[in-house]
N, C-alpha and C. Protein backbone atom coordinates (compact mmCIF):
# COMPACT_ATOMS: atom_id res chain seq x y z
N MET A 1 -42.99 -23.19 38.04
CA MET A 1 -43.22 -23.99 37.48
C MET A 1 -44.12 -24.71 36.46
N ALA A 2 -45.43 -23.92 37.29
CA ALA A 2 -46.62 -24.30 36.19
C ALA A 2 -46.19 -23.69 35.27
N ARG A 3 -45.91 -22.01 35.03
CA ARG A 3 -45.86 -21.14 33.75
C ARG A 3 -45.14 -22.29 32.51
N ALA A 4 -44.12 -22.48 33.30
CA ALA A 4 -43.59 -23.92 31.77
C ALA A 4 -43.92 -24.95 31.22
N ASN A 5 -45.04 -25.14 33.19
CA ASN A 5 -45.32 -26.69 32.48
C ASN A 5 -46.21 -26.31 30.88
N ARG A 6 -46.92 -25.32 31.50
CA ARG A 6 -47.79 -24.81 30.42
C ARG A 6 -47.44 -24.34 28.93
N LYS A 7 -46.09 -23.57 28.71
CA LYS A 7 -45.46 -23.69 28.07
C LYS A 7 -45.27 -24.01 27.57
N THR A 8 -44.65 -25.70 27.75
CA THR A 8 -43.82 -26.64 26.94
C THR A 8 -45.38 -27.31 26.84
N GLU A 9 -46.36 -28.07 27.29
CA GLU A 9 -47.75 -28.20 26.94
C GLU A 9 -48.22 -27.50 25.02
N ALA A 10 -48.59 -26.69 25.37
CA ALA A 10 -48.71 -25.02 24.57
C ALA A 10 -47.65 -25.69 23.11
N ILE A 11 -45.91 -25.48 23.50
CA ILE A 11 -45.36 -26.19 22.14
C ILE A 11 -45.76 -27.48 21.76
N LEU A 12 -46.34 -28.58 22.73
CA LEU A 12 -46.15 -29.74 21.87
C LEU A 12 -47.09 -29.97 21.55
N ALA A 13 -48.30 -29.41 22.27
CA ALA A 13 -49.99 -29.43 21.31
C ALA A 13 -49.97 -29.17 19.98
N TYR A 14 -49.44 -28.16 19.30
CA TYR A 14 -48.65 -27.18 18.46
C TYR A 14 -48.07 -27.74 17.85
N LEU A 15 -46.84 -28.44 18.07
CA LEU A 15 -46.38 -29.79 16.71
C LEU A 15 -47.14 -31.18 16.76
N THR A 16 -47.21 -31.39 17.60
CA THR A 16 -48.38 -32.85 17.05
C THR A 16 -49.94 -32.21 16.53
N GLN A 17 -50.30 -30.99 16.70
CA GLN A 17 -51.21 -29.88 15.16
C GLN A 17 -50.59 -30.64 13.72
N GLN A 18 -49.36 -29.58 13.98
CA GLN A 18 -47.93 -29.59 12.34
C GLN A 18 -48.45 -31.46 11.64
N GLU A 19 -47.92 -32.03 13.01
CA GLU A 19 -47.21 -33.11 12.56
C GLU A 19 -48.02 -34.10 12.33
N ALA A 20 -50.36 -33.95 12.43
CA ALA A 20 -50.65 -34.94 11.93
C ALA A 20 -51.78 -33.42 10.68
N LEU A 21 -51.00 -32.77 10.68
CA LEU A 21 -51.15 -32.01 9.56
C LEU A 21 -50.70 -32.60 8.31
N GLU A 22 -48.96 -33.00 8.57
CA GLU A 22 -48.06 -32.30 7.75
C GLU A 22 -48.29 -33.81 6.90
N ARG A 23 -47.91 -33.30 5.51
CA ARG A 23 -48.43 -34.69 4.08
C ARG A 23 -46.60 -34.65 3.95
N ASP A 24 -45.48 -34.03 3.91
CA ASP A 24 -44.73 -34.51 3.68
C ASP A 24 -43.89 -35.86 5.26
N PRO A 25 -43.75 -37.21 4.60
CA PRO A 25 -43.20 -37.53 5.70
C PRO A 25 -41.74 -37.47 6.08
N TRP A 26 -40.78 -36.83 5.50
CA TRP A 26 -40.05 -35.79 6.40
C TRP A 26 -39.61 -34.54 6.93
N ILE A 27 -40.96 -34.34 6.57
CA ILE A 27 -41.30 -32.65 7.81
C ILE A 27 -41.63 -33.95 9.33
N ARG A 28 -42.79 -34.75 9.01
CA ARG A 28 -42.75 -35.46 9.53
C ARG A 28 -42.30 -35.52 10.51
N ASP A 29 -41.03 -36.56 10.01
CA ASP A 29 -40.26 -37.42 10.51
C ASP A 29 -39.52 -35.76 11.72
N ASP A 30 -38.95 -34.89 10.96
CA ASP A 30 -38.47 -33.39 12.10
C ASP A 30 -39.65 -33.29 12.80
N LEU A 31 -40.32 -33.55 12.89
CA LEU A 31 -41.60 -32.74 13.83
C LEU A 31 -41.57 -33.66 14.65
N ARG A 32 -41.86 -34.89 14.41
CA ARG A 32 -41.96 -36.32 15.74
C ARG A 32 -40.21 -35.90 16.37
N ILE A 33 -38.94 -34.83 15.81
CA ILE A 33 -37.86 -35.45 16.46
C ILE A 33 -38.42 -34.19 17.37
N SER A 34 -38.63 -32.52 17.11
CA SER A 34 -39.20 -31.99 17.49
C SER A 34 -39.19 -31.59 18.92
N TRP A 35 -40.48 -32.61 18.48
CA TRP A 35 -41.84 -32.75 19.73
C TRP A 35 -40.90 -34.15 20.95
N ILE A 36 -40.30 -35.27 20.65
CA ILE A 36 -39.44 -35.48 21.49
C ILE A 36 -38.20 -34.22 22.25
N THR A 37 -37.83 -33.72 20.91
CA THR A 37 -37.11 -32.72 21.71
C THR A 37 -37.23 -32.14 23.18
N VAL A 38 -38.44 -31.41 22.17
CA VAL A 38 -39.11 -30.36 23.28
C VAL A 38 -39.39 -31.31 25.08
N LEU A 39 -39.58 -32.58 24.71
CA LEU A 39 -40.48 -33.24 25.90
C LEU A 39 -38.91 -33.39 26.58
N ASN A 40 -37.83 -33.92 25.78
CA ASN A 40 -36.66 -34.26 26.65
C ASN A 40 -36.54 -33.10 27.34
N ALA A 41 -36.33 -32.03 27.25
CA ALA A 41 -35.84 -31.25 27.71
C ALA A 41 -36.36 -30.67 28.59
N SER A 42 -37.77 -30.15 28.56
CA SER A 42 -38.25 -30.57 29.66
C SER A 42 -38.62 -31.36 31.13
N ARG A 43 -38.16 -32.49 30.65
CA ARG A 43 -37.74 -33.68 31.71
C ARG A 43 -36.73 -33.54 31.98
N GLY A 44 -36.10 -32.50 31.61
CA GLY A 44 -34.26 -32.64 31.76
C GLY A 44 -33.37 -33.50 31.33
N HIS A 45 -32.89 -33.87 30.45
CA HIS A 45 -31.78 -34.66 29.88
C HIS A 45 -30.94 -33.29 29.22
N SER A 46 -30.06 -33.67 29.41
CA SER A 46 -28.83 -32.99 29.59
C SER A 46 -28.92 -33.04 27.69
N GLN A 47 -28.64 -33.70 26.92
CA GLN A 47 -29.20 -33.50 25.37
C GLN A 47 -30.24 -34.08 24.68
N PRO A 48 -31.59 -33.48 25.00
CA PRO A 48 -32.32 -34.02 24.22
C PRO A 48 -32.60 -33.52 23.01
N PHE A 49 -31.91 -32.98 21.81
CA PHE A 49 -32.39 -33.11 20.62
C PHE A 49 -31.47 -34.80 19.85
N VAL A 50 -30.06 -35.05 20.58
CA VAL A 50 -29.79 -36.50 20.47
C VAL A 50 -30.18 -37.57 20.83
N ASP A 51 -30.80 -37.90 22.60
CA ASP A 51 -32.06 -38.72 22.59
C ASP A 51 -32.80 -38.66 21.43
N ALA A 52 -33.66 -37.70 21.13
CA ALA A 52 -34.77 -37.59 19.84
C ALA A 52 -34.42 -37.55 18.41
N SER A 53 -32.94 -37.92 18.27
CA SER A 53 -33.06 -38.60 17.71
C SER A 53 -32.27 -40.21 17.29
N TYR A 54 -32.09 -40.35 17.89
CA TYR A 54 -31.50 -41.69 17.83
C TYR A 54 -33.02 -42.73 17.99
N GLN A 55 -33.94 -41.76 19.02
CA GLN A 55 -35.83 -42.68 18.94
C GLN A 55 -35.59 -42.17 18.67
N VAL A 56 -35.94 -41.72 17.04
CA VAL A 56 -37.00 -41.29 16.01
C VAL A 56 -35.74 -42.19 14.49
N LEU A 57 -34.74 -41.22 14.33
CA LEU A 57 -33.95 -42.17 13.36
C LEU A 57 -32.40 -43.17 12.95
N GLY A 58 -32.31 -43.40 15.19
CA GLY A 58 -31.52 -44.65 14.96
C GLY A 58 -30.40 -44.00 15.01
N ILE A 59 -29.54 -42.60 14.96
CA ILE A 59 -28.35 -42.27 14.85
C ILE A 59 -28.47 -41.32 15.62
N HIS A 60 -26.62 -41.08 15.74
CA HIS A 60 -26.18 -39.84 16.08
C HIS A 60 -26.83 -38.49 15.18
N PRO A 61 -26.86 -37.12 15.41
CA PRO A 61 -27.72 -36.25 14.52
C PRO A 61 -26.62 -35.66 14.10
N GLU A 62 -25.56 -35.95 13.66
CA GLU A 62 -24.24 -35.56 13.27
C GLU A 62 -23.65 -35.83 12.12
N LYS A 63 -23.98 -37.91 12.23
CA LYS A 63 -24.05 -38.69 11.58
C LYS A 63 -24.73 -38.69 10.92
N VAL A 64 -26.48 -38.59 10.36
CA VAL A 64 -27.77 -38.30 10.03
C VAL A 64 -27.07 -38.17 8.57
N TRP A 65 -26.53 -37.23 8.40
CA TRP A 65 -26.34 -36.26 6.91
C TRP A 65 -24.89 -37.41 6.21
N PRO A 66 -24.01 -38.05 6.24
CA PRO A 66 -22.92 -38.76 6.22
C PRO A 66 -24.45 -40.04 5.49
N ALA A 67 -25.03 -40.32 6.66
CA ALA A 67 -25.13 -41.61 6.26
C ALA A 67 -26.50 -41.62 5.21
N ILE A 68 -26.83 -40.33 5.35
CA ILE A 68 -27.87 -39.75 4.24
C ILE A 68 -26.98 -40.24 2.74
N LEU A 69 -26.37 -39.46 2.60
CA LEU A 69 -25.14 -39.60 1.45
C LEU A 69 -24.65 -41.32 1.13
N ALA A 70 -24.02 -41.65 2.28
CA ALA A 70 -23.64 -42.96 2.26
C ALA A 70 -24.94 -43.78 1.61
N ARG A 71 -25.83 -43.95 1.73
CA ARG A 71 -27.21 -44.64 1.41
C ARG A 71 -27.46 -44.45 -0.22
N ARG A 72 -27.18 -42.80 -0.34
CA ARG A 72 -27.66 -42.57 -1.94
C ARG A 72 -26.55 -43.60 -2.86
N LYS A 73 -25.09 -43.53 -2.01
CA LYS A 73 -23.89 -43.66 -3.17
C LYS A 73 -23.90 -45.54 -3.59
N ALA A 74 -24.17 -45.44 -2.40
CA ALA A 74 -25.07 -47.10 -2.41
C ALA A 74 -26.44 -47.82 -2.73
N LEU A 75 -27.44 -47.02 -3.99
CA LEU A 75 -27.88 -47.53 -3.87
C LEU A 75 -28.20 -47.32 -5.66
N LEU A 76 -27.65 -45.58 -5.66
CA LEU A 76 -27.36 -45.35 -7.13
C LEU A 76 -26.16 -45.88 -7.53
N GLY A 77 -25.28 -46.56 -7.12
CA GLY A 77 -23.52 -47.23 -7.94
C GLY A 77 -22.68 -45.81 -7.79
N PRO A 78 -22.30 -45.80 -8.98
CA PRO A 78 -21.28 -44.79 -9.44
C PRO A 78 -22.01 -43.41 -9.90
N ALA A 79 -22.64 -43.86 -10.25
CA ALA A 79 -23.78 -42.24 -10.97
C ALA A 79 -23.44 -41.35 -9.82
N GLY A 80 -23.97 -42.50 -8.54
CA GLY A 80 -24.91 -41.30 -7.19
C GLY A 80 -23.73 -40.01 -7.11
N GLU A 81 -22.36 -40.14 -7.19
CA GLU A 81 -22.02 -39.49 -7.64
C GLU A 81 -22.83 -37.93 -8.03
N SER A 82 -22.77 -37.95 -9.03
CA SER A 82 -23.26 -36.88 -10.61
C SER A 82 -25.05 -36.68 -10.21
N HIS A 83 -25.53 -38.02 -9.98
CA HIS A 83 -26.88 -37.84 -10.43
C HIS A 83 -27.86 -36.86 -9.07
N ARG A 84 -28.49 -36.12 -9.87
CA ARG A 84 -29.16 -34.61 -8.79
C ARG A 84 -28.67 -34.10 -7.98
N THR A 85 -27.19 -34.11 -9.12
CA THR A 85 -26.52 -33.26 -7.66
C THR A 85 -26.77 -31.73 -7.69
N HIS A 86 -25.94 -30.67 -6.50
CA HIS A 86 -26.46 -29.01 -6.71
C HIS A 86 -25.63 -29.32 -6.48
N LYS A 87 -24.35 -27.52 -7.10
CA LYS A 87 -22.91 -28.32 -6.71
C LYS A 87 -22.52 -26.55 -6.53
N THR A 88 -22.52 -26.02 -5.09
CA THR A 88 -22.82 -24.62 -4.82
C THR A 88 -21.55 -24.60 -3.97
N PRO A 89 -21.05 -23.33 -3.43
CA PRO A 89 -19.51 -23.19 -2.64
C PRO A 89 -19.18 -23.72 -1.92
N GLU A 90 -21.09 -24.41 -1.10
CA GLU A 90 -20.36 -24.07 0.37
C GLU A 90 -20.90 -26.10 0.54
N LEU A 91 -21.40 -26.50 -0.96
CA LEU A 91 -21.84 -27.97 -0.01
C LEU A 91 -21.73 -28.22 -2.10
N PRO A 92 -20.44 -28.49 -1.95
CA PRO A 92 -19.83 -29.42 -3.40
C PRO A 92 -20.85 -30.78 -3.70
N GLY A 93 -20.87 -30.74 -4.86
CA GLY A 93 -21.82 -31.97 -4.72
C GLY A 93 -22.92 -32.51 -3.78
N LEU A 94 -23.52 -31.93 -3.30
CA LEU A 94 -25.00 -32.11 -2.61
C LEU A 94 -25.85 -32.83 -3.67
N LEU A 95 -26.24 -34.15 -3.02
CA LEU A 95 -26.99 -34.59 -3.57
C LEU A 95 -28.40 -34.36 -3.08
N LEU A 96 -29.77 -34.69 -3.45
CA LEU A 96 -30.56 -33.86 -3.39
C LEU A 96 -31.61 -35.03 -3.11
N LEU A 97 -32.12 -36.42 -2.90
CA LEU A 97 -31.79 -37.10 -3.02
C LEU A 97 -31.85 -37.25 -1.27
N LYS A 98 -33.49 -37.79 -0.65
CA LYS A 98 -33.91 -37.33 0.88
C LYS A 98 -33.77 -39.41 1.46
N LYS A 99 -33.12 -38.66 2.64
CA LYS A 99 -33.35 -39.74 3.60
C LYS A 99 -34.92 -40.46 3.91
N PRO A 100 -34.83 -42.05 3.90
CA PRO A 100 -35.99 -42.49 4.14
C PRO A 100 -37.26 -42.03 5.30
N PRO A 101 -38.44 -41.47 4.95
CA PRO A 101 -39.03 -41.35 5.91
C PRO A 101 -39.72 -41.96 6.85
N LYS A 102 -39.59 -42.01 8.39
CA LYS A 102 -39.48 -43.03 9.45
C LYS A 102 -40.76 -42.65 9.49
N SER A 103 -41.51 -42.05 9.32
CA SER A 103 -43.38 -41.88 9.77
C SER A 103 -43.97 -42.47 8.56
N VAL A 104 -43.10 -42.91 8.08
CA VAL A 104 -43.73 -44.27 6.90
C VAL A 104 -44.43 -45.44 6.91
N ARG A 105 -43.45 -45.45 8.19
CA ARG A 105 -44.29 -47.02 9.32
C ARG A 105 -45.23 -47.42 9.61
N SER A 106 -45.44 -48.13 9.73
CA SER A 106 -46.42 -48.40 10.47
C SER A 106 -47.13 -48.40 11.75
N ILE A 107 -47.38 -47.50 12.29
CA ILE A 107 -47.91 -47.95 14.36
C ILE A 107 -48.38 -48.08 14.05
N PRO A 108 -49.41 -49.20 14.85
CA PRO A 108 -50.70 -50.06 15.82
C PRO A 108 -51.27 -48.41 16.30
N GLY A 109 -52.73 -48.28 15.92
CA GLY A 109 -53.58 -48.04 16.67
C GLY A 109 -53.49 -46.62 16.20
N ARG A 110 -52.40 -46.15 15.26
CA ARG A 110 -52.47 -44.35 15.06
C ARG A 110 -52.20 -44.38 12.79
N SER A 111 -52.53 -43.92 13.09
CA SER A 111 -53.39 -43.41 11.66
C SER A 111 -52.14 -42.62 10.90
N SER A 112 -52.11 -42.40 9.74
CA SER A 112 -51.15 -41.70 9.00
C SER A 112 -51.29 -40.44 9.22
N LYS A 113 -52.87 -39.66 9.13
CA LYS A 113 -53.43 -39.02 8.98
C LYS A 113 -53.76 -38.05 10.94
N THR A 114 -53.72 -38.77 12.01
CA THR A 114 -53.88 -38.24 12.99
C THR A 114 -52.61 -38.80 13.88
N SER A 115 -52.48 -37.93 15.51
CA SER A 115 -51.66 -38.50 16.45
C SER A 115 -53.17 -38.46 17.27
N THR A 116 -52.67 -39.57 18.62
CA THR A 116 -52.89 -40.05 19.62
C THR A 116 -51.75 -40.22 20.43
N ARG A 117 -50.91 -39.01 20.60
CA ARG A 117 -49.36 -38.36 21.70
C ARG A 117 -50.65 -37.53 22.62
N LYS A 118 -50.75 -37.69 24.07
CA LYS A 118 -51.93 -36.26 24.38
C LYS A 118 -50.41 -35.61 24.83
């Protein structure tokens, strides 16, 4: 058990470091979700990724992409269907705009370049 705890701590430390160094707010969100997922898994949560997604994004992971597409369509109006669209056989009409990053929000006592997580 102690060995598993050391591995978990090492993974969490790595993710903390990467999040602190990451400039892209969307990747920071992904790293935050990863950090929470590892922590939840180490604590025996039955759905660690789902719980982490709700904590960071406030939505089930299976609903994230449809929500992004709906938001884009709402923001861009009728032009949103064709604006900045990448068409592939696998993903026809895929919009390239991104979700709004959660890591950009202000967190008291935490700068955007450092992490206070331990």
